[in-house]
Amino acid sequence: MKYCTKCKTEKNKTEFSKNKSNLDGLQYYCKSCMSCCNRTKEKRVCLVCNKEFFPFNYRSGKYCSVECRNSVSIPPSRIGCSSWNKGIPITKEQNEKLNSKEAKRKARDTYIKNHPNLITPESVRLRRNKKTDDWRNSVFKRDFYTCHDCGKRGGRLNAHHIKSWSKYPELRWDNNNGLTLCIECHQKRHPNIKCISKCINEK
């Protein structure tokens, strides 16, 4: 037996919900008192059966019961019916087709076609690949991590293309076409690029 602090009566422990934070592992209120506490004081009308009821705080309060809610969300012809493939095991051939590389590649390609905004531009992909990183590091090592214009060594450096990246694609990864510059000197070479000025402000 346990004493309910809400209705002030002793009831069986089965009528109390579990609560591990309490010493006895049960709620202070019984289940009936808890349901009354969780309901709002605003009376509403069910949209299906037009019955007046007090909804719970954490629910939208459109329907008085689960049956009324399911009658709206589930078509009458589907109530009590199971899915057509319930209980049918998947064969080994179907499992291999689902997990094959070709199936995953086709699914990826169709997803990319349906979401063109997720495709990274070619210029961005080329600037982020390993070949560009190796070219940048080789230019830094050749110049001893020193700015070509002001002579500053270390800090935040950029690898500058002497001949433009877009106009001369054949010289993109040529070490002779690169210069080590600090952010301030690189900004002077490209006054119209905003990303370099943002790096200066963050610094």
N, C-alpha and C. Protein backbone atom coordinates (compact mmCIF):
# COMPACT_ATOMS: atom_id res chain seq x y z
N MET A 1 0.84 -1.20 0.00
CA MET A 1 0.00 0.00 0.00
C MET A 1 0.88 1.26 0.00
N LYS A 2 0.34 2.31 -0.63
CA LYS A 2 1.06 3.58 -0.68
C LYS A 2 0.06 4.71 -0.54
N TYR A 3 0.51 5.81 0.10
CA TYR A 3 -0.34 6.95 0.37
C TYR A 3 -0.20 7.97 -0.75
N CYS A 4 -1.32 8.36 -1.37
CA CYS A 4 -1.35 9.39 -2.40
C CYS A 4 -1.46 10.75 -1.74
N THR A 5 -0.52 11.64 -2.05
CA THR A 5 -0.51 12.97 -1.44
C THR A 5 -1.52 13.91 -2.07
N LYS A 6 -2.13 13.51 -3.20
CA LYS A 6 -3.11 14.35 -3.87
C LYS A 6 -4.52 14.09 -3.35
N CYS A 7 -4.95 12.82 -3.47
CA CYS A 7 -6.29 12.48 -2.99
C CYS A 7 -6.30 12.05 -1.53
N LYS A 8 -5.08 11.93 -0.91
CA LYS A 8 -4.93 11.62 0.52
C LYS A 8 -5.64 10.33 0.91
N THR A 9 -5.40 9.30 0.10
CA THR A 9 -5.93 7.97 0.40
C THR A 9 -4.83 6.95 0.13
N GLU A 10 -4.93 5.80 0.83
CA GLU A 10 -3.98 4.72 0.62
C GLU A 10 -4.51 3.80 -0.49
N LYS A 11 -3.63 3.53 -1.46
CA LYS A 11 -4.01 2.69 -2.59
C LYS A 11 -2.93 1.65 -2.83
N ASN A 12 -3.26 0.69 -3.67
CA ASN A 12 -2.30 -0.35 -4.01
C ASN A 12 -1.17 0.24 -4.85
N LYS A 13 0.03 -0.34 -4.74
CA LYS A 13 1.20 0.20 -5.44
C LYS A 13 1.07 0.07 -6.95
N THR A 14 0.21 -0.83 -7.41
CA THR A 14 0.03 -0.99 -8.85
C THR A 14 -0.66 0.21 -9.48
N GLU A 15 -1.32 1.05 -8.67
CA GLU A 15 -2.03 2.23 -9.17
C GLU A 15 -1.13 3.45 -9.23
N PHE A 16 0.18 3.27 -9.00
CA PHE A 16 1.14 4.38 -9.05
C PHE A 16 2.12 4.13 -10.20
N SER A 17 2.48 5.18 -10.89
CA SER A 17 3.47 5.08 -11.95
C SER A 17 4.87 5.02 -11.37
N LYS A 18 5.82 4.54 -12.18
CA LYS A 18 7.20 4.40 -11.72
C LYS A 18 7.95 5.72 -11.82
N ASN A 19 8.83 5.93 -10.85
CA ASN A 19 9.70 7.11 -10.82
C ASN A 19 10.98 6.74 -10.09
N LYS A 20 12.07 6.55 -10.84
CA LYS A 20 13.31 6.07 -10.24
C LYS A 20 13.96 7.10 -9.32
N SER A 21 13.62 8.36 -9.46
CA SER A 21 14.24 9.38 -8.62
C SER A 21 13.76 9.31 -7.18
N ASN A 22 12.58 8.76 -6.93
CA ASN A 22 12.07 8.62 -5.56
C ASN A 22 12.65 7.39 -4.89
N LEU A 23 12.60 7.38 -3.56
CA LEU A 23 13.21 6.28 -2.81
C LEU A 23 12.49 4.95 -3.07
N ASP A 24 11.17 4.98 -3.10
CA ASP A 24 10.41 3.75 -3.32
C ASP A 24 10.23 3.41 -4.79
N GLY A 25 10.69 4.28 -5.68
CA GLY A 25 10.59 4.03 -7.10
C GLY A 25 9.22 4.29 -7.70
N LEU A 26 8.35 5.04 -6.99
CA LEU A 26 7.00 5.31 -7.46
C LEU A 26 6.71 6.80 -7.38
N GLN A 27 5.67 7.25 -8.11
CA GLN A 27 5.26 8.64 -8.08
C GLN A 27 4.56 8.96 -6.75
N TYR A 28 4.50 10.26 -6.43
CA TYR A 28 3.78 10.68 -5.22
C TYR A 28 2.27 10.62 -5.41
N TYR A 29 1.82 10.86 -6.67
CA TYR A 29 0.39 10.83 -6.97
C TYR A 29 0.04 9.50 -7.64
N CYS A 30 -1.20 9.07 -7.48
CA CYS A 30 -1.68 7.88 -8.17
C CYS A 30 -1.95 8.22 -9.64
N LYS A 31 -2.25 7.21 -10.44
CA LYS A 31 -2.43 7.41 -11.87
C LYS A 31 -3.64 8.29 -12.18
N SER A 32 -4.72 8.12 -11.44
CA SER A 32 -5.92 8.93 -11.68
C SER A 32 -5.67 10.39 -11.34
N CYS A 33 -4.95 10.64 -10.24
CA CYS A 33 -4.64 12.02 -9.86
C CYS A 33 -3.65 12.65 -10.85
N MET A 34 -2.70 11.86 -11.36
CA MET A 34 -1.75 12.37 -12.32
C MET A 34 -2.43 12.78 -13.62
N SER A 35 -3.42 11.99 -14.06
CA SER A 35 -4.14 12.34 -15.29
C SER A 35 -4.95 13.61 -15.11
N CYS A 36 -5.48 13.83 -13.91
CA CYS A 36 -6.22 15.08 -13.65
C CYS A 36 -5.28 16.28 -13.61
N CYS A 37 -4.08 16.09 -13.08
CA CYS A 37 -3.14 17.20 -12.97
C CYS A 37 -2.59 17.60 -14.34
N ASN A 38 -2.43 16.61 -15.22
CA ASN A 38 -1.84 16.89 -16.53
C ASN A 38 -2.83 17.51 -17.51
N ARG A 39 -4.10 17.51 -17.18
CA ARG A 39 -5.10 18.07 -18.08
C ARG A 39 -5.25 19.57 -17.84
N THR A 40 -5.57 20.28 -18.91
CA THR A 40 -5.77 21.72 -18.81
C THR A 40 -7.16 22.03 -18.28
N LYS A 41 -7.34 23.25 -17.86
CA LYS A 41 -8.65 23.69 -17.36
C LYS A 41 -9.57 24.16 -18.47
N GLU A 42 -9.03 24.26 -19.66
CA GLU A 42 -9.83 24.71 -20.80
C GLU A 42 -10.61 23.54 -21.40
N LYS A 43 -11.89 23.68 -21.51
CA LYS A 43 -12.74 22.62 -22.07
C LYS A 43 -12.82 22.80 -23.58
N ARG A 44 -12.64 21.68 -24.30
CA ARG A 44 -12.69 21.71 -25.75
C ARG A 44 -13.69 20.67 -26.26
N VAL A 45 -13.99 20.76 -27.57
CA VAL A 45 -14.95 19.87 -28.21
C VAL A 45 -14.22 19.02 -29.23
N CYS A 46 -14.46 17.71 -29.20
CA CYS A 46 -13.83 16.80 -30.13
C CYS A 46 -14.34 17.07 -31.55
N LEU A 47 -13.43 17.06 -32.53
CA LEU A 47 -13.80 17.35 -33.90
C LEU A 47 -14.54 16.19 -34.57
N VAL A 48 -14.50 15.00 -33.98
CA VAL A 48 -15.13 13.83 -34.59
C VAL A 48 -16.48 13.54 -33.95
N CYS A 49 -16.49 13.36 -32.63
CA CYS A 49 -17.72 12.96 -31.94
C CYS A 49 -18.41 14.12 -31.21
N ASN A 50 -17.85 15.33 -31.28
CA ASN A 50 -18.42 16.53 -30.63
C ASN A 50 -18.58 16.38 -29.12
N LYS A 51 -17.70 15.60 -28.53
CA LYS A 51 -17.75 15.38 -27.09
C LYS A 51 -16.85 16.41 -26.40
N GLU A 52 -17.33 16.97 -25.28
CA GLU A 52 -16.53 17.92 -24.52
C GLU A 52 -15.52 17.18 -23.64
N PHE A 53 -14.29 17.69 -23.59
CA PHE A 53 -13.23 17.02 -22.81
C PHE A 53 -12.18 18.05 -22.44
N PHE A 54 -11.33 17.66 -21.47
CA PHE A 54 -10.21 18.48 -21.02
C PHE A 54 -8.92 17.86 -21.59
N PRO A 55 -8.24 18.50 -22.52
CA PRO A 55 -7.05 17.91 -23.13
C PRO A 55 -5.85 17.96 -22.21
N PHE A 56 -4.85 17.15 -22.55
CA PHE A 56 -3.58 17.17 -21.84
C PHE A 56 -2.76 18.38 -22.27
N ASN A 57 -1.83 18.78 -21.42
CA ASN A 57 -1.02 19.95 -21.71
C ASN A 57 -0.11 19.74 -22.92
N TYR A 58 0.39 18.53 -23.09
CA TYR A 58 1.37 18.28 -24.14
C TYR A 58 0.73 17.80 -25.43
N ARG A 59 -0.58 17.87 -25.56
CA ARG A 59 -1.25 17.46 -26.78
C ARG A 59 -1.95 18.66 -27.41
N SER A 60 -2.27 18.52 -28.70
CA SER A 60 -2.94 19.62 -29.39
C SER A 60 -4.38 19.80 -28.94
N GLY A 61 -5.02 18.72 -28.46
CA GLY A 61 -6.38 18.81 -27.93
C GLY A 61 -7.46 18.91 -28.98
N LYS A 62 -7.30 18.23 -30.12
CA LYS A 62 -8.32 18.25 -31.16
C LYS A 62 -9.31 17.09 -31.02
N TYR A 63 -8.83 15.97 -30.46
CA TYR A 63 -9.65 14.77 -30.36
C TYR A 63 -9.67 14.28 -28.92
N CYS A 64 -10.80 13.67 -28.55
CA CYS A 64 -10.97 13.24 -27.16
C CYS A 64 -10.29 11.92 -26.87
N SER A 65 -10.02 11.09 -27.88
CA SER A 65 -9.43 9.77 -27.66
C SER A 65 -8.58 9.39 -28.86
N VAL A 66 -7.85 8.28 -28.69
CA VAL A 66 -7.02 7.77 -29.78
C VAL A 66 -7.88 7.24 -30.92
N GLU A 67 -9.05 6.67 -30.58
CA GLU A 67 -9.94 6.14 -31.61
C GLU A 67 -10.42 7.25 -32.55
N CYS A 68 -10.77 8.40 -31.99
CA CYS A 68 -11.24 9.51 -32.82
C CYS A 68 -10.11 10.05 -33.69
N ARG A 69 -8.91 10.08 -33.15
CA ARG A 69 -7.77 10.57 -33.93
C ARG A 69 -7.45 9.61 -35.07
N ASN A 70 -7.46 8.30 -34.80
CA ASN A 70 -7.15 7.32 -35.85
C ASN A 70 -8.24 7.27 -36.92
N SER A 71 -9.46 7.58 -36.54
CA SER A 71 -10.52 7.55 -37.54
C SER A 71 -10.34 8.63 -38.60
N VAL A 72 -9.61 9.69 -38.24
CA VAL A 72 -9.36 10.77 -39.20
C VAL A 72 -8.07 10.52 -39.98
N SER A 73 -7.01 10.07 -39.30
CA SER A 73 -5.71 9.89 -39.95
C SER A 73 -5.66 8.63 -40.81
N ILE A 74 -6.42 7.59 -40.46
CA ILE A 74 -6.41 6.34 -41.20
C ILE A 74 -7.71 6.22 -41.97
N PRO A 75 -7.69 5.90 -43.25
CA PRO A 75 -8.93 5.70 -44.00
C PRO A 75 -9.74 4.55 -43.44
N PRO A 76 -11.06 4.60 -43.54
CA PRO A 76 -11.88 3.52 -42.99
C PRO A 76 -11.57 2.16 -43.59
N SER A 77 -11.15 2.13 -44.86
CA SER A 77 -10.86 0.85 -45.49
C SER A 77 -9.57 0.22 -44.99
N ARG A 78 -8.68 1.04 -44.32
CA ARG A 78 -7.39 0.53 -43.86
C ARG A 78 -7.37 0.24 -42.38
N ILE A 79 -8.44 0.50 -41.64
CA ILE A 79 -8.46 0.28 -40.20
C ILE A 79 -8.45 -1.22 -39.95
N GLY A 80 -7.50 -1.67 -39.14
CA GLY A 80 -7.39 -3.09 -38.82
C GLY A 80 -6.66 -3.91 -39.85
N CYS A 81 -6.17 -3.31 -40.95
CA CYS A 81 -5.48 -4.04 -42.01
C CYS A 81 -3.97 -3.88 -41.83
N SER A 82 -3.23 -4.94 -42.09
CA SER A 82 -1.78 -4.91 -42.02
C SER A 82 -1.20 -4.63 -43.41
N SER A 83 0.08 -4.31 -43.46
CA SER A 83 0.74 -4.02 -44.73
C SER A 83 0.86 -5.30 -45.56
N TRP A 84 0.96 -5.13 -46.89
CA TRP A 84 0.96 -6.29 -47.78
C TRP A 84 2.21 -7.15 -47.64
N ASN A 85 3.35 -6.55 -47.22
CA ASN A 85 4.58 -7.32 -47.14
C ASN A 85 4.94 -7.72 -45.71
N LYS A 86 3.99 -7.62 -44.80
CA LYS A 86 4.27 -7.98 -43.41
C LYS A 86 4.40 -9.49 -43.30
N GLY A 87 5.49 -9.95 -42.70
CA GLY A 87 5.72 -11.38 -42.51
C GLY A 87 6.40 -12.06 -43.68
N ILE A 88 6.63 -11.36 -44.79
CA ILE A 88 7.28 -11.96 -45.95
C ILE A 88 8.79 -11.71 -45.84
N PRO A 89 9.61 -12.74 -45.71
CA PRO A 89 11.06 -12.52 -45.56
C PRO A 89 11.69 -12.08 -46.88
N ILE A 90 12.79 -11.33 -46.80
CA ILE A 90 13.53 -10.87 -47.97
C ILE A 90 14.46 -11.99 -48.43
N THR A 91 14.47 -12.26 -49.71
CA THR A 91 15.35 -13.30 -50.25
C THR A 91 16.79 -12.81 -50.32
N LYS A 92 17.71 -13.76 -50.54
CA LYS A 92 19.13 -13.41 -50.62
C LYS A 92 19.42 -12.53 -51.84
N GLU A 93 18.74 -12.82 -52.95
CA GLU A 93 18.95 -12.02 -54.15
C GLU A 93 18.51 -10.58 -53.94
N GLN A 94 17.34 -10.40 -53.29
CA GLN A 94 16.88 -9.04 -53.02
C GLN A 94 17.82 -8.31 -52.07
N ASN A 95 18.34 -9.04 -51.08
CA ASN A 95 19.26 -8.42 -50.12
C ASN A 95 20.57 -8.02 -50.79
N GLU A 96 21.06 -8.85 -51.72
CA GLU A 96 22.29 -8.51 -52.44
C GLU A 96 22.09 -7.30 -53.36
N LYS A 97 20.91 -7.22 -53.99
CA LYS A 97 20.62 -6.08 -54.86
C LYS A 97 20.56 -4.79 -54.05
N LEU A 98 19.97 -4.86 -52.86
CA LEU A 98 19.85 -3.64 -52.04
C LEU A 98 21.20 -3.18 -51.53
N ASN A 99 22.08 -4.13 -51.21
CA ASN A 99 23.38 -3.78 -50.63
C ASN A 99 24.50 -3.70 -51.65
N SER A 100 24.21 -3.89 -52.93
CA SER A 100 25.27 -3.86 -53.94
C SER A 100 25.74 -2.42 -54.17
N LYS A 101 26.95 -2.30 -54.71
CA LYS A 101 27.53 -0.98 -54.96
C LYS A 101 26.78 -0.26 -56.08
N GLU A 102 26.33 -1.01 -57.07
CA GLU A 102 25.62 -0.39 -58.18
C GLU A 102 24.30 0.22 -57.72
N ALA A 103 23.59 -0.50 -56.83
CA ALA A 103 22.32 0.03 -56.33
C ALA A 103 22.55 1.29 -55.50
N LYS A 104 23.61 1.28 -54.69
CA LYS A 104 23.91 2.47 -53.89
C LYS A 104 24.32 3.64 -54.78
N ARG A 105 25.08 3.34 -55.84
CA ARG A 105 25.50 4.41 -56.76
C ARG A 105 24.31 5.00 -57.51
N LYS A 106 23.39 4.14 -57.95
CA LYS A 106 22.20 4.63 -58.64
C LYS A 106 21.34 5.48 -57.71
N ALA A 107 21.20 5.02 -56.46
CA ALA A 107 20.42 5.80 -55.50
C ALA A 107 21.06 7.15 -55.22
N ARG A 108 22.39 7.17 -55.17
CA ARG A 108 23.09 8.43 -54.95
C ARG A 108 22.92 9.38 -56.14
N ASP A 109 23.03 8.82 -57.34
CA ASP A 109 22.89 9.64 -58.55
C ASP A 109 21.49 10.23 -58.67
N THR A 110 20.48 9.42 -58.39
CA THR A 110 19.11 9.93 -58.46
C THR A 110 18.86 10.99 -57.39
N TYR A 111 19.47 10.81 -56.22
CA TYR A 111 19.31 11.81 -55.16
C TYR A 111 19.97 13.12 -55.56
N ILE A 112 21.12 13.06 -56.19
CA ILE A 112 21.80 14.28 -56.62
C ILE A 112 21.03 14.98 -57.72
N LYS A 113 20.43 14.20 -58.65
CA LYS A 113 19.64 14.81 -59.71
C LYS A 113 18.41 15.52 -59.16
N ASN A 114 17.80 14.94 -58.11
CA ASN A 114 16.61 15.55 -57.52
C ASN A 114 16.96 16.72 -56.61
N HIS A 115 18.23 16.82 -56.18
CA HIS A 115 18.66 17.92 -55.31
C HIS A 115 19.88 18.60 -55.94
N PRO A 116 19.68 19.41 -56.96
CA PRO A 116 20.84 20.03 -57.64
C PRO A 116 21.59 21.02 -56.78
N ASN A 117 20.98 21.55 -55.71
CA ASN A 117 21.66 22.52 -54.86
C ASN A 117 22.78 21.89 -54.05
N LEU A 118 22.77 20.54 -53.93
CA LEU A 118 23.80 19.87 -53.14
C LEU A 118 25.07 19.62 -53.94
N ILE A 119 25.05 19.85 -55.24
CA ILE A 119 26.22 19.60 -56.08
C ILE A 119 27.23 20.72 -55.87
N THR A 120 28.47 20.34 -55.51
CA THR A 120 29.52 21.32 -55.31
C THR A 120 30.06 21.78 -56.66
N PRO A 121 30.24 23.08 -56.89
CA PRO A 121 30.79 23.54 -58.17
C PRO A 121 32.17 22.96 -58.43
N GLU A 122 32.51 22.84 -59.72
CA GLU A 122 33.78 22.22 -60.09
C GLU A 122 34.97 23.02 -59.59
N SER A 123 34.87 24.34 -59.62
CA SER A 123 35.99 25.17 -59.16
C SER A 123 36.25 24.98 -57.67
N VAL A 124 35.19 24.80 -56.90
CA VAL A 124 35.36 24.58 -55.46
C VAL A 124 35.98 23.21 -55.20
N ARG A 125 35.54 22.20 -55.94
CA ARG A 125 36.09 20.86 -55.75
C ARG A 125 37.56 20.80 -56.13
N LEU A 126 37.94 21.53 -57.18
CA LEU A 126 39.35 21.53 -57.59
C LEU A 126 40.23 22.25 -56.56
N ARG A 127 39.70 23.29 -55.95
CA ARG A 127 40.49 24.03 -54.96
C ARG A 127 40.62 23.28 -53.64
N ARG A 128 39.74 22.31 -53.39
CA ARG A 128 39.76 21.58 -52.12
C ARG A 128 40.40 20.19 -52.22
N ASN A 129 40.88 19.80 -53.39
CA ASN A 129 41.41 18.46 -53.54
C ASN A 129 42.85 18.39 -53.05
N LYS A 130 43.38 17.17 -53.00
CA LYS A 130 44.73 16.95 -52.46
C LYS A 130 45.81 17.56 -53.34
N LYS A 131 45.57 17.60 -54.64
CA LYS A 131 46.57 18.15 -55.56
C LYS A 131 46.82 19.62 -55.27
N THR A 132 45.75 20.36 -54.97
CA THR A 132 45.90 21.77 -54.64
C THR A 132 46.61 21.96 -53.30
N ASP A 133 46.32 21.09 -52.33
CA ASP A 133 47.00 21.18 -51.04
C ASP A 133 48.49 20.91 -51.17
N ASP A 134 48.86 19.92 -51.98
CA ASP A 134 50.27 19.62 -52.19
C ASP A 134 50.98 20.78 -52.90
N TRP A 135 50.30 21.39 -53.87
CA TRP A 135 50.90 22.55 -54.57
C TRP A 135 51.12 23.71 -53.60
N ARG A 136 50.14 23.96 -52.74
CA ARG A 136 50.25 25.06 -51.77
C ARG A 136 51.40 24.81 -50.79
N ASN A 137 51.52 23.58 -50.30
CA ASN A 137 52.59 23.28 -49.35
C ASN A 137 53.97 23.36 -50.02
N SER A 138 54.04 22.93 -51.26
CA SER A 138 55.33 23.01 -51.97
C SER A 138 55.76 24.46 -52.20
N VAL A 139 54.79 25.35 -52.47
CA VAL A 139 55.11 26.78 -52.64
C VAL A 139 55.56 27.38 -51.32
N PHE A 140 54.93 26.99 -50.23
CA PHE A 140 55.34 27.51 -48.91
C PHE A 140 56.76 27.05 -48.56
N LYS A 141 57.06 25.78 -48.83
CA LYS A 141 58.39 25.26 -48.50
C LYS A 141 59.47 25.91 -49.38
N ARG A 142 59.15 26.16 -50.62
CA ARG A 142 60.12 26.79 -51.52
C ARG A 142 60.46 28.20 -51.06
N ASP A 143 59.46 28.94 -50.58
CA ASP A 143 59.67 30.32 -50.13
C ASP A 143 60.00 30.42 -48.65
N PHE A 144 60.21 29.27 -47.98
CA PHE A 144 60.56 29.23 -46.56
C PHE A 144 59.50 29.91 -45.69
N TYR A 145 58.26 29.76 -46.09
CA TYR A 145 57.12 30.29 -45.32
C TYR A 145 57.28 31.79 -45.06
N THR A 146 57.76 32.51 -46.08
CA THR A 146 58.02 33.94 -45.97
C THR A 146 57.25 34.67 -47.06
N CYS A 147 56.61 35.78 -46.70
CA CYS A 147 55.85 36.57 -47.66
C CYS A 147 56.79 37.19 -48.70
N HIS A 148 56.43 37.10 -49.95
CA HIS A 148 57.27 37.60 -51.04
C HIS A 148 57.32 39.12 -51.08
N ASP A 149 56.27 39.81 -50.63
CA ASP A 149 56.21 41.27 -50.75
C ASP A 149 56.79 41.98 -49.53
N CYS A 150 56.32 41.62 -48.34
CA CYS A 150 56.74 42.35 -47.13
C CYS A 150 57.83 41.63 -46.33
N GLY A 151 58.13 40.37 -46.65
CA GLY A 151 59.18 39.64 -45.95
C GLY A 151 58.77 39.07 -44.61
N LYS A 152 57.48 39.11 -44.28
CA LYS A 152 57.02 38.57 -43.00
C LYS A 152 57.05 37.05 -43.06
N ARG A 153 57.55 36.42 -42.00
CA ARG A 153 57.68 34.97 -41.97
C ARG A 153 56.66 34.37 -40.98
N GLY A 154 56.02 33.28 -41.41
CA GLY A 154 55.06 32.60 -40.56
C GLY A 154 53.72 33.32 -40.53
N GLY A 155 52.87 32.88 -39.63
CA GLY A 155 51.53 33.47 -39.52
C GLY A 155 50.57 32.82 -40.52
N ARG A 156 49.55 33.57 -40.88
CA ARG A 156 48.54 33.07 -41.82
C ARG A 156 48.96 33.46 -43.23
N LEU A 157 49.31 32.46 -44.02
CA LEU A 157 49.84 32.68 -45.36
C LEU A 157 48.87 32.17 -46.41
N ASN A 158 48.99 32.72 -47.62
CA ASN A 158 48.22 32.29 -48.79
C ASN A 158 49.17 32.01 -49.94
N ALA A 159 48.79 31.03 -50.78
CA ALA A 159 49.54 30.74 -52.00
C ALA A 159 48.85 31.46 -53.16
N HIS A 160 49.54 32.44 -53.71
CA HIS A 160 48.97 33.30 -54.76
C HIS A 160 49.38 32.79 -56.14
N HIS A 161 48.42 32.75 -57.07
CA HIS A 161 48.70 32.38 -58.46
C HIS A 161 49.15 33.63 -59.23
N ILE A 162 50.33 33.57 -59.81
CA ILE A 162 50.82 34.69 -60.59
C ILE A 162 49.95 34.90 -61.83
N LYS A 163 49.68 33.82 -62.54
CA LYS A 163 48.73 33.85 -63.64
C LYS A 163 47.42 33.27 -63.15
N SER A 164 46.32 33.87 -63.56
CA SER A 164 45.01 33.61 -62.97
C SER A 164 44.64 32.12 -63.02
N TRP A 165 43.93 31.70 -61.96
CA TRP A 165 43.43 30.32 -61.84
C TRP A 165 42.44 30.01 -62.96
N SER A 166 41.55 30.94 -63.28
CA SER A 166 40.50 30.68 -64.26
C SER A 166 41.00 30.83 -65.70
N LYS A 167 41.93 31.76 -65.95
CA LYS A 167 42.37 32.02 -67.32
C LYS A 167 43.46 31.06 -67.79
N TYR A 168 44.23 30.50 -66.85
CA TYR A 168 45.31 29.60 -67.21
C TYR A 168 45.16 28.28 -66.44
N PRO A 169 44.23 27.42 -66.84
CA PRO A 169 44.01 26.17 -66.09
C PRO A 169 45.20 25.21 -66.18
N GLU A 170 46.03 25.33 -67.22
CA GLU A 170 47.16 24.42 -67.35
C GLU A 170 48.29 24.76 -66.38
N LEU A 171 48.24 25.97 -65.77
CA LEU A 171 49.28 26.39 -64.82
C LEU A 171 48.78 26.43 -63.38
N ARG A 172 47.69 25.76 -63.11
CA ARG A 172 47.10 25.82 -61.77
C ARG A 172 48.01 25.18 -60.72
N TRP A 173 48.67 24.07 -61.07
CA TRP A 173 49.49 23.34 -60.10
C TRP A 173 50.97 23.39 -60.47
N ASP A 174 51.36 24.45 -61.16
CA ASP A 174 52.78 24.66 -61.49
C ASP A 174 53.43 25.47 -60.36
N ASN A 175 54.53 24.94 -59.79
CA ASN A 175 55.18 25.63 -58.67
C ASN A 175 55.75 26.99 -59.08
N ASN A 176 56.13 27.14 -60.32
CA ASN A 176 56.67 28.42 -60.77
C ASN A 176 55.57 29.49 -60.91
N ASN A 177 54.32 29.07 -60.86
CA ASN A 177 53.20 30.01 -60.97
C ASN A 177 52.64 30.39 -59.61
N GLY A 178 53.36 30.08 -58.54
CA GLY A 178 52.87 30.38 -57.20
C GLY A 178 53.80 31.28 -56.41
N LEU A 179 53.21 32.08 -55.53
CA LEU A 179 53.96 32.95 -54.63
C LEU A 179 53.36 32.86 -53.22
N THR A 180 54.22 32.93 -52.22
CA THR A 180 53.77 32.94 -50.84
C THR A 180 53.53 34.38 -50.40
N LEU A 181 52.30 34.65 -49.97
CA LEU A 181 51.93 36.00 -49.53
C LEU A 181 51.19 35.91 -48.20
N CYS A 182 51.36 36.95 -47.38
CA CYS A 182 50.53 37.05 -46.18
C CYS A 182 49.14 37.56 -46.58
N ILE A 183 48.23 37.55 -45.63
CA ILE A 183 46.85 37.92 -45.95
C ILE A 183 46.76 39.38 -46.38
N GLU A 184 47.52 40.28 -45.71
CA GLU A 184 47.45 41.69 -46.05
C GLU A 184 47.97 41.96 -47.47
N CYS A 185 49.08 41.32 -47.83
CA CYS A 185 49.63 41.52 -49.17
C CYS A 185 48.77 40.84 -50.23
N HIS A 186 48.18 39.73 -49.87
CA HIS A 186 47.29 39.06 -50.82
C HIS A 186 46.05 39.90 -51.08
N GLN A 187 45.60 40.62 -50.06
CA GLN A 187 44.45 41.50 -50.23
C GLN A 187 44.78 42.65 -51.18
N LYS A 188 46.00 43.13 -51.14
CA LYS A 188 46.39 44.20 -52.05
C LYS A 188 46.41 43.73 -53.50
N ARG A 189 46.75 42.46 -53.71
CA ARG A 189 46.76 41.91 -55.07
C ARG A 189 45.34 41.68 -55.59
N HIS A 190 44.40 41.38 -54.67
CA HIS A 190 43.00 41.13 -55.05
C HIS A 190 42.10 42.04 -54.22
N PRO A 191 41.98 43.30 -54.55
CA PRO A 191 41.16 44.22 -53.72
C PRO A 191 39.67 43.95 -53.81
N ASN A 192 39.22 43.25 -54.85
CA ASN A 192 37.79 43.01 -55.04
C ASN A 192 37.29 41.73 -54.36
N ILE A 193 38.18 40.92 -53.82
CA ILE A 193 37.79 39.67 -53.16
C ILE A 193 37.48 39.96 -51.70
N LYS A 194 36.26 39.59 -51.27
CA LYS A 194 35.83 39.91 -49.91
C LYS A 194 36.31 38.90 -48.89
N CYS A 195 36.52 37.62 -49.31
CA CYS A 195 36.87 36.59 -48.35
C CYS A 195 38.21 36.88 -47.69
N ILE A 196 39.16 37.51 -48.41
CA ILE A 196 40.45 37.81 -47.84
C ILE A 196 40.30 38.90 -46.78
N SER A 197 39.46 39.90 -47.05
CA SER A 197 39.25 40.97 -46.07
C SER A 197 38.57 40.43 -44.82
N LYS A 198 37.72 39.39 -44.96
CA LYS A 198 37.09 38.78 -43.78
C LYS A 198 38.15 38.10 -42.92
N CYS A 199 39.12 37.45 -43.55
CA CYS A 199 40.18 36.79 -42.78
C CYS A 199 40.99 37.81 -41.99
N ILE A 200 41.18 39.00 -42.58
CA ILE A 200 41.94 40.04 -41.88
C ILE A 200 41.15 40.52 -40.67
N ASN A 201 39.84 40.67 -40.81
CA ASN A 201 39.03 41.13 -39.68
C ASN A 201 38.96 40.09 -38.57
N GLU A 202 38.90 38.78 -38.97
CA GLU A 202 38.86 37.75 -37.94
C GLU A 202 40.17 37.69 -37.18
N LYS A 203 41.24 37.97 -37.88
CA LYS A 203 42.53 37.96 -37.20
C LYS A 203 42.61 39.08 -36.19
